[in-house]
Amino acid sequence: MQQEIPAIENAPKRTGYPKLKFGLTWLIVIPGSLWTIVTYYLPVSGGTLNRIERLMTTPMIALLSAASLFCHLLLFGR
């Protein structure tokens, strides 16, 4: 006779991808992230960049951060 483990046998099945929810927290996270990029990352790591290079680097850092967050959501979203 095989022993049953209810926690494993009745575990919920993952179906589909997690849903993105944009709440009030994002009103703090997005501007705070952009402020951190402009005031910390760029002066520390890009001190020799001119104005145009800074304007191009800021969106690239923001997009890479968003992609990282999205990948994290896909892996650990439930």
C-alpha atoms as a PDB file:
ATOM      1  CA  MET A   1       0.000   0.000   0.000  1.00  0.00           C
ATOM      2  CA  GLN A   2       1.398   3.356  -1.060  1.00  0.00           C
ATOM      3  CA  GLN A   3       1.398   6.173   1.457  1.00  0.00           C
ATOM      4  CA  GLU A   4      -0.331   9.371   0.310  1.00  0.00           C
ATOM      5  CA  ILE A   5       0.977  12.801   1.161  1.00  0.00           C
ATOM      6  CA  PRO A   6      -1.984  15.224   1.018  1.00  0.00           C
ATOM      7  CA  ALA A   7       0.154  18.358   0.709  1.00  0.00           C
ATOM      8  CA  ILE A   8       1.797  17.029  -2.451  1.00  0.00           C
ATOM      9  CA  GLU A   9      -1.198  15.248  -3.925  1.00  0.00           C
ATOM     10  CA  ASN A  10      -3.500  18.264  -3.529  1.00  0.00           C
ATOM     11  CA  ALA A  11      -0.989  20.978  -4.386  1.00  0.00           C
ATOM     12  CA  PRO A  12      -2.460  23.739  -6.580  1.00  0.00           C
ATOM     13  CA  LYS A  13      -1.367  23.579 -10.203  1.00  0.00           C
ATOM     14  CA  ARG A  14       0.258  26.614 -11.825  1.00  0.00           C
ATOM     15  CA  THR A  15      -1.703  27.695 -14.837  1.00  0.00           C
ATOM     16  CA  GLY A  16      -0.802  30.590 -17.062  1.00  0.00           C
ATOM     17  CA  TYR A  17       1.464  33.497 -16.290  1.00  0.00           C
ATOM     18  CA  PRO A  18       1.181  35.746 -13.236  1.00  0.00           C
ATOM     19  CA  LYS A  19      -0.790  38.934 -13.720  1.00  0.00           C
ATOM     20  CA  LEU A  20       0.860  42.311 -13.415  1.00  0.00           C
ATOM     21  CA  LYS A  21      -0.893  44.614 -10.994  1.00  0.00           C
ATOM     22  CA  PHE A  22      -0.062  48.287 -10.905  1.00  0.00           C
ATOM     23  CA  GLY A  23      -1.176  49.789  -7.621  1.00  0.00           C
ATOM     24  CA  LEU A  24      -0.295  52.805  -5.547  1.00  0.00           C
ATOM     25  CA  THR A  25       3.089  51.315  -4.696  1.00  0.00           C
ATOM     26  CA  TRP A  26       4.233  51.850  -8.278  1.00  0.00           C
ATOM     27  CA  LEU A  27       3.598  55.589  -7.880  1.00  0.00           C
ATOM     28  CA  ILE A  28       6.473  55.535  -5.386  1.00  0.00           C
ATOM     29  CA  VAL A  29       8.671  52.868  -6.986  1.00  0.00           C
ATOM     30  CA  ILE A  30       8.911  54.267 -10.526  1.00  0.00           C
ATOM     31  CA  PRO A  31       9.821  57.899  -9.686  1.00  0.00           C
ATOM     32  CA  GLY A  32      12.064  56.702  -6.856  1.00  0.00           C
ATOM     33  CA  SER A  33      13.901  54.368  -9.207  1.00  0.00           C
ATOM     34  CA  LEU A  34      14.429  57.090 -11.805  1.00  0.00           C
ATOM     35  CA  TRP A  35      15.615  59.494  -9.108  1.00  0.00           C
ATOM     36  CA  THR A  36      18.089  56.888  -7.830  1.00  0.00           C
ATOM     37  CA  ILE A  37      19.446  56.310 -11.332  1.00  0.00           C
ATOM     38  CA  VAL A  38      19.931  60.015 -11.999  1.00  0.00           C
ATOM     39  CA  THR A  39      21.374  60.971  -8.599  1.00  0.00           C
ATOM     40  CA  TYR A  40      23.393  57.876  -7.698  1.00  0.00           C
ATOM     41  CA  TYR A  41      24.191  55.508 -10.564  1.00  0.00           C
ATOM     42  CA  LEU A  42      25.080  58.067 -13.200  1.00  0.00           C
ATOM     43  CA  PRO A  43      27.393  60.263 -11.088  1.00  0.00           C
ATOM     44  CA  VAL A  44      29.161  57.255  -9.556  1.00  0.00           C
ATOM     45  CA  SER A  45      29.548  54.970 -12.573  1.00  0.00           C
ATOM     46  CA  GLY A  46      29.301  57.473 -15.413  1.00  0.00           C
ATOM     47  CA  GLY A  47      31.191  60.506 -14.170  1.00  0.00           C
ATOM     48  CA  THR A  48      32.806  61.088 -17.560  1.00  0.00           C
ATOM     49  CA  LEU A  49      29.570  60.945 -19.579  1.00  0.00           C
ATOM     50  CA  ASN A  50      28.406  64.074 -21.341  1.00  0.00           C
ATOM     51  CA  ARG A  51      24.773  65.227 -21.299  1.00  0.00           C
ATOM     52  CA  ILE A  52      23.623  63.256 -24.362  1.00  0.00           C
ATOM     53  CA  GLU A  53      25.241  60.071 -23.085  1.00  0.00           C
ATOM     54  CA  ARG A  54      23.498  60.524 -19.731  1.00  0.00           C
ATOM     55  CA  LEU A  55      20.152  61.030 -21.449  1.00  0.00           C
ATOM     56  CA  MET A  56      20.696  57.776 -23.369  1.00  0.00           C
ATOM     57  CA  THR A  57      22.004  55.818 -20.366  1.00  0.00           C
ATOM     58  CA  THR A  58      19.113  56.607 -18.005  1.00  0.00           C
ATOM     59  CA  PRO A  59      16.395  54.876 -20.088  1.00  0.00           C
ATOM     60  CA  MET A  60      18.699  51.928 -20.752  1.00  0.00           C
ATOM     61  CA  ILE A  61      19.246  51.385 -17.020  1.00  0.00           C
ATOM     62  CA  ALA A  62      15.503  51.766 -16.383  1.00  0.00           C
ATOM     63  CA  LEU A  63      14.643  49.236 -19.123  1.00  0.00           C
ATOM     64  CA  LEU A  64      17.185  46.711 -17.841  1.00  0.00           C
ATOM     65  CA  SER A  65      15.807  47.115 -14.314  1.00  0.00           C
ATOM     66  CA  ALA A  66      12.249  46.603 -15.584  1.00  0.00           C
ATOM     67  CA  ALA A  67      13.319  43.518 -17.557  1.00  0.00           C
ATOM     68  CA  SER A  68      14.991  42.115 -14.456  1.00  0.00           C
ATOM     69  CA  LEU A  69      11.853  42.715 -12.396  1.00  0.00           C
ATOM     70  CA  PHE A  70       9.682  41.094 -15.076  1.00  0.00           C
ATOM     71  CA  CYS A  71      11.915  37.986 -15.228  1.00  0.00           C
ATOM     72  CA  HIS A  72      11.777  37.760 -11.433  1.00  0.00           C
ATOM     73  CA  LEU A  73       7.968  37.978 -11.598  1.00  0.00           C
ATOM     74  CA  LEU A  74       7.811  35.167 -14.151  1.00  0.00           C
ATOM     75  CA  LEU A  75       9.980  32.895 -12.023  1.00  0.00           C
ATOM     76  CA  PHE A  76       8.610  33.618  -8.563  1.00  0.00           C
ATOM     77  CA  GLY A  77       5.240  35.214  -9.327  1.00  0.00           C
ATOM     78  CA  ARG A  78       2.905  32.964  -7.400  1.00  0.00           C
END
